[in-house]
Amino acid sequence: MTSEGLRAATTKMRAAGVPELAISVFSRFHAQLRSEATGTIPEDTITPLREVQHIDDVRPPEAAVRDALARTVVIKLNGGLGTSMGVSGPKSALAVRDGLTFLDIIARQVIALRRRHDVATPLLLMNSFRTREESLAILERHAGLAVGGLPLDFLQNREPKLRVDDLAPVEWPQDRELEWCPPGHGDVYVALRTTGLIDDLRERGIRHAFLSNADNLGATCDGAVPAWMTQEGVPYVAEVSTRTRNDRKGGHLAVRRTDGRLVLRDSAMVAEGEDDYFQDTDRHPWFHTNNLWVDLDVLAARLEERDGDLGLPIIVNRKTVDPTQSDSTPVIQVESAMGAAVEVFEGSRALAVDRSRFRPVKTTNELLLIRSDLYRLTEDFVVESTIDHEEPFVDLGAAYTLVDGFEKRFPRGVPSIRGCSSLRVEADATFGADVVCTGDVRVSGGVRTIPDGARLEGDV
């Protein structure tokens, strides 16, 4: 029986023009919510993933790589607003390195890839209704980016935020847009089908899709992977990397005990009281980079078999309707993870990659890292490390949490941290130019200024 909350939600979605397939997926999740599904993966239902083949062992001949790239599409998930960092528009529009935004660098990476291999690999953004306009304006700066009449983007679907008490659509007259949310990046498979893009791409001879987050500048398109997939008949590849202390809260792959298939466990899927297992980097040594590759022919077949719904597991995300107001109405956002599709495809493989393919910016801590002298941009706009050791641990205080506060306190650039093992800033400190941090640095005290050219080491 359809609940009143679900009826109200689906009526609202139809009035907004949301496709029926997206409504059907939302309805499945709503039913799971009503049955108090948690979407968790208990530790005793999985075994850790151990031995994983490395990408360096997957090196087909250049001719095979070029052929694979000519039949690969690059898809960037670009629905994020970066509200946790205080970004008002798309996070990918933030200047991240050398005055360039994420999207500027992504566009130049794709153009360089085409030039280097003499291919016309297309780029697609999956935008949300809040990121589309500004993101496409940035891509327009790059002549020749569109390929063969393909669009540069497609829209992620949207769904109502649900009240916690009755699972009905929340009302927020102060800002009606805040009544809506994207359904997580697992919606990419639904959106590719409802927009017709999956059929369009396949008709153009595109066989593989490389999907990654727009805020991960390390996720460049390596044609060795789809070439290897073609040779080995692999339908789906998830890139994983060795977990460090900075990755303890990131999702990881594991092996499901019941059928031996790979599964993704994100932080929101951890059973109560099992955070210690989840964050144990020795027990679960591989984290999921959210870089993945999928055979579009196999994906289309699975979608057809399942009436367009891959049946990805639910993620229950609890927030407030206005994320900037902690006392606003509590809501639930039902989501799914793109990487959870690893369990759908028989023969899915994990592929170990170096840290160079994972350069995310989720916080201002990571923004400092990517802007620092730890990295440089190559002539092909690849983010390249300048060190041969683990990057330092960075923990900036509350004054730096939002981008405006961060920029204000680093007006002349971030400090040098190549010789730093950790940087903890507890004070409200404004840094001058050419500051150098060495070893373990801890800056404490009240409001203060770090002078130009300062050398910091130990407790400051």
Protein backbone atom coordinates (compact mmCIF):
# COMPACT_ATOMS: atom_id res chain seq x y z
CA MET A 1 0.00 0.00 0.00
CA THR A 2 1.29 3.44 -0.90
CA SER A 3 1.80 5.67 2.14
CA GLU A 4 0.55 9.25 2.27
CA GLY A 5 4.14 10.47 2.48
CA LEU A 6 5.15 8.59 -0.65
CA ARG A 7 2.05 9.70 -2.51
CA ALA A 8 2.81 13.33 -1.70
CA ALA A 9 6.45 12.91 -2.70
CA THR A 10 5.78 11.25 -6.05
CA THR A 11 3.07 13.81 -6.88
CA LYS A 12 5.60 16.55 -6.23
CA MET A 13 8.22 14.81 -8.38
CA ARG A 14 5.84 14.37 -11.32
CA ALA A 15 4.81 18.01 -11.12
CA ALA A 16 8.50 18.93 -11.36
CA GLY A 17 8.99 16.73 -14.43
CA VAL A 18 11.12 14.05 -12.79
CA PRO A 19 11.28 10.94 -15.04
CA GLU A 20 9.16 7.95 -14.05
CA LEU A 21 12.21 5.70 -13.70
CA ALA A 22 13.75 8.05 -11.13
CA ILE A 23 10.41 8.15 -9.29
CA SER A 24 10.32 4.34 -9.26
CA VAL A 25 13.82 4.13 -7.74
CA PHE A 26 12.87 6.74 -5.13
CA SER A 27 9.70 4.77 -4.31
CA ARG A 28 11.75 1.63 -3.68
CA PHE A 29 13.96 3.51 -1.25
CA HIS A 30 10.94 5.11 0.43
CA ALA A 31 9.47 1.64 1.04
CA GLN A 32 12.76 0.57 2.61
CA LEU A 33 12.67 3.61 4.88
CA ARG A 34 9.15 2.73 6.02
CA SER A 35 10.35 -0.76 6.87
CA GLU A 36 13.16 0.88 8.87
CA ALA A 37 15.91 -0.33 6.56
CA THR A 38 19.25 1.09 7.58
CA GLY A 39 21.32 0.19 4.54
CA THR A 40 24.15 -0.95 6.80
CA ILE A 41 26.70 -3.67 6.03
CA PRO A 42 27.63 -5.40 9.32
CA GLU A 43 31.22 -6.51 9.75
CA ASP A 44 30.29 -10.17 10.15
CA THR A 45 28.74 -10.23 6.65
CA ILE A 46 31.99 -9.36 4.85
CA THR A 47 35.63 -10.36 4.69
CA PRO A 48 38.44 -7.86 4.00
CA LEU A 49 39.71 -7.41 0.46
CA ARG A 50 43.39 -8.38 0.39
CA GLU A 51 45.21 -9.19 -2.85
CA VAL A 52 44.51 -6.69 -5.64
CA GLN A 53 46.13 -6.42 -9.07
CA HIS A 54 48.01 -3.14 -9.63
CA ILE A 55 47.42 -0.84 -12.58
CA ASP A 56 51.14 -0.98 -13.42
CA ASP A 57 50.64 -4.65 -14.32
CA VAL A 58 47.91 -3.67 -16.78
CA ARG A 59 49.81 -2.18 -19.72
CA PRO A 60 48.45 -3.20 -23.14
CA PRO A 61 50.23 -2.00 -26.32
CA GLU A 62 49.83 1.66 -27.29
CA ALA A 63 47.68 0.76 -30.30
CA ALA A 64 45.19 -0.98 -27.99
CA VAL A 65 45.24 1.99 -25.61
CA ARG A 66 44.55 4.46 -28.40
CA ASP A 67 41.71 2.31 -29.75
CA ALA A 68 40.18 2.04 -26.26
CA LEU A 69 40.42 5.81 -25.67
CA ALA A 70 38.64 6.42 -28.98
CA ARG A 71 35.74 4.38 -27.55
CA THR A 72 35.73 5.82 -24.00
CA VAL A 73 33.72 8.68 -22.50
CA VAL A 74 34.90 10.65 -19.47
CA ILE A 75 32.05 11.39 -17.04
CA LYS A 76 32.61 13.74 -14.12
CA LEU A 77 30.17 13.87 -11.21
CA ASN A 78 29.58 17.59 -10.79
CA GLY A 79 26.51 17.94 -8.62
CA GLY A 80 28.25 19.10 -5.43
CA LEU A 81 27.87 22.58 -4.00
CA GLY A 82 30.56 22.32 -1.35
CA THR A 83 28.26 23.74 1.32
CA SER A 84 30.44 22.22 4.06
CA MET A 85 33.24 24.48 2.80
CA GLY A 86 30.98 27.51 2.49
CA VAL A 87 31.04 27.50 -1.32
CA SER A 88 27.94 29.23 -2.69
CA GLY A 89 28.04 27.72 -6.20
CA PRO A 90 29.47 24.52 -7.67
CA LYS A 91 32.52 23.37 -5.75
CA SER A 92 34.19 22.66 -9.10
CA ALA A 93 34.10 26.41 -9.84
CA LEU A 94 36.50 27.06 -6.94
CA ALA A 95 40.01 28.18 -7.90
CA VAL A 96 42.06 25.25 -6.73
CA ARG A 97 45.51 25.55 -8.29
CA ASP A 98 47.42 28.27 -10.16
CA GLY A 99 44.25 30.34 -10.47
CA LEU A 100 42.43 27.54 -12.32
CA THR A 101 39.15 25.97 -11.22
CA PHE A 102 38.59 22.23 -11.04
CA LEU A 103 36.66 22.42 -14.31
CA ASP A 104 39.36 24.41 -16.06
CA ILE A 105 41.91 21.74 -15.15
CA ILE A 106 39.58 18.86 -16.11
CA ALA A 107 38.88 20.45 -19.50
CA ARG A 108 42.60 20.93 -20.15
CA GLN A 109 43.35 17.37 -19.06
CA VAL A 110 40.86 16.00 -21.60
CA ILE A 111 42.14 18.27 -24.38
CA ALA A 112 45.73 17.17 -23.63
CA LEU A 113 44.63 13.50 -23.69
CA ARG A 114 43.07 13.96 -27.12
CA ARG A 115 46.16 15.68 -28.46
CA ARG A 116 48.58 13.10 -27.05
CA HIS A 117 46.71 10.06 -28.43
CA ASP A 118 45.00 11.65 -31.46
CA VAL A 119 41.53 10.67 -30.27
CA ALA A 120 38.24 12.50 -29.69
CA THR A 121 37.40 11.21 -26.20
CA PRO A 122 34.25 13.09 -25.11
CA LEU A 123 33.73 14.76 -21.74
CA LEU A 124 30.37 14.78 -19.95
CA LEU A 125 29.46 16.42 -16.66
CA MET A 126 26.63 15.04 -14.57
CA ASN A 127 25.33 18.33 -13.20
CA SER A 128 22.66 18.96 -10.62
CA PHE A 129 19.97 21.58 -11.09
CA ARG A 130 22.08 23.91 -8.93
CA THR A 131 25.43 23.48 -10.68
CA ARG A 132 24.57 23.42 -14.38
CA GLU A 133 24.61 27.06 -15.47
CA GLU A 134 27.87 28.14 -13.83
CA SER A 135 29.67 24.93 -14.75
CA LEU A 136 28.80 25.12 -18.44
CA ALA A 137 29.90 28.76 -18.49
CA ILE A 138 33.36 27.64 -17.32
CA LEU A 139 33.58 24.91 -19.98
CA GLU A 140 32.72 27.47 -22.67
CA ARG A 141 36.16 28.99 -22.08
CA HIS A 142 37.71 25.93 -23.72
CA ALA A 143 37.24 25.92 -27.49
CA GLY A 144 36.58 22.60 -29.18
CA LEU A 145 35.66 20.73 -26.01
CA ALA A 146 32.32 19.43 -27.33
CA VAL A 147 32.58 16.37 -29.59
CA GLY A 148 30.40 15.40 -32.54
CA GLY A 149 27.17 17.00 -31.42
CA LEU A 150 27.25 15.41 -27.96
CA PRO A 151 26.23 17.71 -25.10
CA LEU A 152 28.79 18.62 -22.46
CA ASP A 153 26.48 17.61 -19.64
CA PHE A 154 23.35 15.84 -18.52
CA LEU A 155 21.24 16.48 -15.46
CA GLN A 156 21.15 14.39 -12.34
CA ASN A 157 17.63 13.72 -11.13
CA ARG A 158 16.21 15.28 -8.00
CA GLU A 159 13.92 14.17 -5.21
CA PRO A 160 12.19 15.71 -2.17
CA LYS A 161 13.91 15.84 1.19
CA LEU A 162 11.74 13.87 3.63
CA ARG A 163 10.62 14.86 7.10
CA VAL A 164 11.99 12.50 9.71
CA ASP A 165 8.68 12.18 11.56
CA ASP A 166 6.34 11.10 8.74
CA LEU A 167 8.59 10.65 5.65
CA ALA A 168 6.55 13.25 3.78
CA PRO A 169 8.16 15.96 1.61
CA VAL A 170 9.45 18.79 3.75
CA GLU A 171 8.03 22.28 3.30
CA TRP A 172 10.47 25.20 3.44
CA PRO A 173 8.83 28.41 2.17
CA GLN A 174 11.97 30.45 2.95
CA ASP A 175 13.72 28.77 0.02
CA ARG A 176 11.76 26.24 -2.02
CA GLU A 177 14.93 24.96 -3.71
CA LEU A 178 16.07 23.59 -0.35
CA GLU A 179 13.08 21.24 -0.37
CA TRP A 180 14.91 19.23 -3.04
CA CYS A 181 18.13 17.21 -3.08
CA PRO A 182 20.03 15.04 -5.55
CA PRO A 183 19.63 11.28 -5.01
CA GLY A 184 23.33 10.57 -4.63
CA HIS A 185 25.78 9.80 -7.41
CA GLY A 186 24.31 6.31 -7.84
CA ASP A 187 21.69 8.17 -9.88
CA VAL A 188 24.21 8.40 -12.75
CA TYR A 189 23.02 5.07 -14.14
CA VAL A 190 19.38 6.15 -14.04
CA ALA A 191 20.19 9.53 -15.58
CA LEU A 192 22.20 7.98 -18.42
CA ARG A 193 19.17 5.86 -19.27
CA THR A 194 16.42 8.48 -18.86
CA THR A 195 18.33 11.04 -20.95
CA GLY A 196 18.96 8.49 -23.68
CA LEU A 197 22.70 9.15 -23.46
CA ILE A 198 23.67 5.53 -22.88
CA ASP A 199 22.06 4.57 -26.22
CA ASP A 200 23.49 7.62 -27.99
CA LEU A 201 27.01 6.85 -26.77
CA ARG A 202 26.80 3.19 -27.77
CA GLU A 203 25.48 4.09 -31.21
CA ARG A 204 28.58 6.28 -31.64
CA GLY A 205 30.81 3.32 -30.85
CA ILE A 206 31.60 4.31 -27.26
CA ARG A 207 32.18 1.11 -25.30
CA HIS A 208 33.50 2.23 -21.89
CA ALA A 209 32.79 5.04 -19.44
CA PHE A 210 35.28 6.39 -16.93
CA LEU A 211 33.44 7.97 -13.99
CA SER A 212 34.95 10.02 -11.18
CA ASN A 213 34.31 13.01 -8.93
CA ALA A 214 34.93 16.48 -10.35
CA ASP A 215 36.78 17.43 -7.16
CA ASN A 216 39.38 14.66 -7.66
CA LEU A 217 41.98 16.12 -10.01
CA GLY A 218 44.06 12.93 -9.89
CA ALA A 219 41.34 11.02 -11.74
CA THR A 220 42.68 11.31 -15.27
CA CYS A 221 41.60 8.96 -18.05
CA ASP A 222 44.18 6.15 -18.37
CA GLY A 223 43.45 4.24 -21.58
CA ALA A 224 45.28 1.17 -20.32
CA VAL A 225 42.28 0.30 -18.16
CA PRO A 226 39.56 0.08 -20.86
CA ALA A 227 42.06 -1.65 -23.17
CA TRP A 228 42.66 -4.26 -20.45
CA MET A 229 38.92 -4.58 -19.83
CA THR A 230 38.39 -5.32 -23.52
CA GLN A 231 41.14 -7.95 -23.57
CA GLU A 232 40.01 -9.68 -20.38
CA GLY A 233 36.24 -9.25 -20.74
CA VAL A 234 35.97 -7.30 -17.47
CA PRO A 235 32.62 -5.48 -17.17
CA TYR A 236 33.39 -3.17 -14.26
CA VAL A 237 36.54 -1.89 -12.52
CA ALA A 238 36.78 -0.06 -9.20
CA GLU A 239 40.02 1.77 -8.47
CA VAL A 240 41.29 1.32 -4.93
CA SER A 241 44.31 2.69 -3.11
CA THR A 242 46.12 1.93 0.12
CA ARG A 243 44.38 3.53 3.09
CA THR A 244 46.26 6.02 5.26
CA ARG A 245 45.24 7.82 8.45
CA ASN A 246 43.62 10.47 6.24
CA ASP A 247 41.31 7.83 4.70
CA ARG A 248 39.90 6.15 7.78
CA LYS A 249 36.43 7.57 7.17
CA GLY A 250 36.40 6.86 3.44
CA GLY A 251 34.48 4.00 1.87
CA HIS A 252 36.22 0.69 1.22
CA LEU A 253 35.63 -2.45 -0.78
CA ALA A 254 35.14 -5.82 0.87
CA VAL A 255 34.03 -9.31 -0.13
CA ARG A 256 30.48 -10.38 0.71
CA ARG A 257 30.47 -13.71 2.52
CA THR A 258 27.26 -15.06 0.97
CA ASP A 259 28.30 -14.94 -2.69
CA GLY A 260 31.93 -13.75 -2.85
CA ARG A 261 31.07 -10.56 -4.71
CA LEU A 262 32.77 -7.25 -4.11
CA VAL A 263 30.71 -4.70 -2.17
CA LEU A 264 31.23 -1.07 -1.27
CA ARG A 265 30.81 0.03 2.34
CA ASP A 266 30.63 3.79 2.86
CA SER A 267 30.70 5.48 6.26
CA ALA A 268 26.90 5.86 6.25
CA MET A 269 26.61 2.06 5.83
CA VAL A 270 28.55 1.12 8.96
CA ALA A 271 26.51 -0.70 11.60
CA GLU A 272 26.20 0.94 14.99
CA GLY A 273 29.21 0.32 17.18
CA GLU A 274 31.42 -0.89 14.33
CA ASP A 275 33.33 2.29 13.51
CA ASP A 276 36.51 0.75 14.91
CA TYR A 277 36.33 -2.05 12.34
CA PHE A 278 35.54 0.39 9.55
CA GLN A 279 38.42 2.74 10.39
CA ASP A 280 40.97 -0.02 10.93
CA THR A 281 43.36 0.49 8.01
CA ASP A 282 45.15 -2.78 8.71
CA ARG A 283 41.94 -4.78 8.66
CA HIS A 284 40.55 -3.05 5.57
CA PRO A 285 43.65 -1.84 3.70
CA TRP A 286 42.02 -0.63 0.47
CA PHE A 287 39.78 2.40 0.15
CA HIS A 288 37.50 3.14 -2.79
CA THR A 289 38.65 6.19 -4.75
CA ASN A 290 35.27 6.57 -6.50
CA ASN A 291 37.10 6.27 -9.81
CA LEU A 292 35.40 3.51 -11.76
CA TRP A 293 35.10 2.07 -15.25
CA VAL A 294 32.07 0.36 -16.73
CA ASP A 295 31.34 -1.46 -19.96
CA LEU A 296 28.35 0.43 -21.38
CA ASP A 297 27.08 -2.61 -23.30
CA VAL A 298 26.96 -4.66 -20.10
CA LEU A 299 25.44 -1.74 -18.18
CA ALA A 300 22.71 -1.32 -20.79
CA ALA A 301 21.92 -5.03 -20.58
CA ARG A 302 21.70 -4.96 -16.77
CA LEU A 303 19.44 -1.92 -16.87
CA GLU A 304 17.19 -3.62 -19.40
CA GLU A 305 16.99 -6.79 -17.29
CA ARG A 306 16.05 -4.77 -14.19
CA ASP A 307 13.62 -2.27 -15.76
CA GLY A 308 16.17 0.53 -15.42
CA ASP A 309 16.87 0.07 -11.70
CA LEU A 310 20.14 -1.64 -10.77
CA GLY A 311 18.82 -2.15 -7.22
CA LEU A 312 21.66 -0.29 -5.53
CA PRO A 313 21.56 -0.36 -1.71
CA ILE A 314 20.03 2.58 0.13
CA ILE A 315 22.09 5.21 1.95
CA VAL A 316 20.15 7.08 4.64
CA ASN A 317 21.58 10.59 4.98
CA ARG A 318 20.24 12.58 7.93
CA LYS A 319 20.53 16.37 7.70
CA THR A 320 18.55 19.54 8.26
CA VAL A 321 16.54 21.07 5.44
CA ASP A 322 18.83 24.10 5.45
CA PRO A 323 22.34 22.70 5.96
CA THR A 324 23.52 26.10 7.20
CA GLN A 325 20.92 26.11 10.01
CA SER A 326 21.34 23.31 12.51
CA ASP A 327 17.96 24.12 14.08
CA SER A 328 16.00 23.86 10.81
CA THR A 329 13.68 20.89 10.18
CA PRO A 330 15.42 17.49 10.42
CA VAL A 331 15.21 15.61 7.12
CA ILE A 332 16.26 12.38 5.47
CA GLN A 333 17.86 12.31 2.05
CA VAL A 334 17.72 8.86 0.45
CA GLU A 335 20.76 8.26 -1.69
CA SER A 336 22.78 5.58 -3.42
CA ALA A 337 26.47 5.36 -4.27
CA MET A 338 27.75 5.00 -7.81
CA GLY A 339 30.43 2.60 -6.60
CA ALA A 340 27.87 0.25 -5.07
CA ALA A 341 27.26 -1.04 -8.60
CA VAL A 342 30.41 -3.14 -8.16
CA GLU A 343 28.17 -5.87 -6.71
CA VAL A 344 25.80 -5.85 -9.68
CA PHE A 345 28.24 -7.05 -12.34
CA GLU A 346 29.55 -10.60 -12.27
CA GLY A 347 33.30 -10.46 -12.82
CA SER A 348 33.79 -6.98 -11.36
CA ARG A 349 37.40 -6.31 -10.46
CA ALA A 350 39.26 -4.03 -8.08
CA LEU A 351 42.41 -2.39 -9.44
CA ALA A 352 45.06 -0.93 -7.16
CA VAL A 353 46.26 2.54 -8.12
CA ASP A 354 48.86 4.91 -6.74
CA ARG A 355 47.92 7.86 -4.58
CA SER A 356 48.47 10.09 -7.60
CA ARG A 357 45.01 9.10 -8.86
CA PHE A 358 43.32 10.35 -5.70
CA ARG A 359 43.65 14.10 -5.08
CA PRO A 360 40.26 15.01 -3.59
CA VAL A 361 39.27 18.33 -2.06
CA LYS A 362 36.47 17.71 0.44
CA THR A 363 37.73 20.13 3.10
CA THR A 364 39.97 23.16 3.39
CA ASN A 365 42.62 20.82 4.84
CA GLU A 366 42.79 19.17 1.42
CA LEU A 367 42.59 22.53 -0.34
CA LEU A 368 45.78 23.53 1.48
CA LEU A 369 47.46 20.30 0.39
CA ILE A 370 46.59 20.67 -3.29
CA ARG A 371 47.65 24.35 -3.38
CA SER A 372 50.93 23.67 -1.61
CA ASP A 373 54.40 22.87 -2.93
CA LEU A 374 53.60 19.17 -2.53
CA TYR A 375 52.19 19.32 -6.07
CA ARG A 376 52.65 20.93 -9.45
CA LEU A 377 50.72 20.93 -12.72
CA THR A 378 52.47 19.29 -15.68
CA GLU A 379 52.16 20.56 -19.25
CA ASP A 380 49.28 18.08 -19.67
CA PHE A 381 47.64 19.51 -16.52
CA VAL A 382 48.19 16.36 -14.51
CA VAL A 383 48.54 17.03 -10.77
CA GLU A 384 52.01 15.66 -10.05
CA SER A 385 53.55 15.07 -6.64
CA THR A 386 56.86 16.73 -5.80
CA ILE A 387 57.66 14.38 -2.90
CA ASP A 388 58.51 10.69 -2.57
CA HIS A 389 57.02 10.20 0.90
CA GLU A 390 53.56 10.25 2.47
CA GLU A 391 51.89 13.65 2.42
CA PRO A 392 51.67 15.40 5.79
CA PHE A 393 48.64 15.26 8.04
CA VAL A 394 46.85 18.64 8.04
CA ASP A 395 44.31 19.76 10.62
CA LEU A 396 43.18 23.38 10.37
CA GLY A 397 41.04 24.91 13.12
CA ALA A 398 37.47 26.17 12.94
CA ALA A 399 38.53 29.59 11.63
CA TYR A 400 39.63 27.91 8.38
CA THR A 401 36.66 25.59 7.80
CA LEU A 402 34.95 27.82 5.23
CA VAL A 403 36.71 28.94 2.07
CA ASP A 404 36.27 32.65 2.86
CA GLY A 405 38.00 32.20 6.23
CA PHE A 406 40.70 30.08 4.62
CA GLU A 407 41.45 32.66 1.91
CA LYS A 408 41.51 35.47 4.46
CA ARG A 409 44.12 33.69 6.57
CA PHE A 410 46.35 32.73 3.61
CA PRO A 411 46.24 36.02 1.67
CA ARG A 412 49.68 35.47 0.10
CA GLY A 413 49.55 31.74 -0.41
CA VAL A 414 49.76 28.63 1.74
CA PRO A 415 53.02 27.71 3.51
CA SER A 416 55.65 25.33 2.19
CA ILE A 417 54.97 21.88 3.66
CA ARG A 418 57.31 19.65 1.63
CA GLY A 419 59.42 19.07 4.72
CA CYS A 420 56.46 18.83 7.06
CA SER A 421 55.07 15.63 8.59
CA SER A 422 52.05 17.24 10.26
CA LEU A 423 50.51 20.70 10.50
CA ARG A 424 47.96 21.47 13.20
CA VAL A 425 46.67 25.04 13.43
CA GLU A 426 44.61 25.66 16.57
CA ALA A 427 45.12 29.43 16.66
CA ASP A 428 43.29 31.97 14.51
CA ALA A 429 46.47 32.76 12.60
CA THR A 430 47.01 34.75 9.42
CA PHE A 431 50.01 33.48 7.48
CA GLY A 432 52.43 35.75 5.65
CA ALA A 433 54.28 34.98 2.44
CA ASP A 434 56.97 32.30 2.07
CA VAL A 435 56.28 30.59 5.41
CA VAL A 436 58.03 27.20 5.70
CA CYS A 437 56.87 24.35 7.95
CA THR A 438 59.26 21.57 8.96
CA GLY A 439 58.61 18.35 10.89
CA ASP A 440 55.58 18.30 13.20
CA VAL A 441 54.14 21.81 13.51
CA ARG A 442 51.48 22.92 15.97
CA VAL A 443 50.33 26.55 15.96
CA SER A 444 48.38 27.44 19.10
CA GLY A 445 47.34 30.56 20.98
CA GLY A 446 44.77 33.23 20.17
CA VAL A 447 44.53 35.57 17.21
CA ARG A 448 47.96 36.05 15.73
CA THR A 449 50.00 36.75 12.60
CA ILE A 450 52.75 34.53 11.20
CA PRO A 451 55.26 36.92 9.60
CA ASP A 452 56.64 36.69 6.06
CA GLY A 453 59.45 34.18 5.74
CA ALA A 454 58.80 32.51 9.10
CA ARG A 455 60.27 29.05 9.71
CA LEU A 456 57.92 26.92 11.81
CA GLU A 457 58.85 23.72 13.62
CA GLY A 458 57.43 22.06 16.73
CA ASP A 459 55.04 24.00 18.99
CA VAL A 460 54.62 27.62 17.91
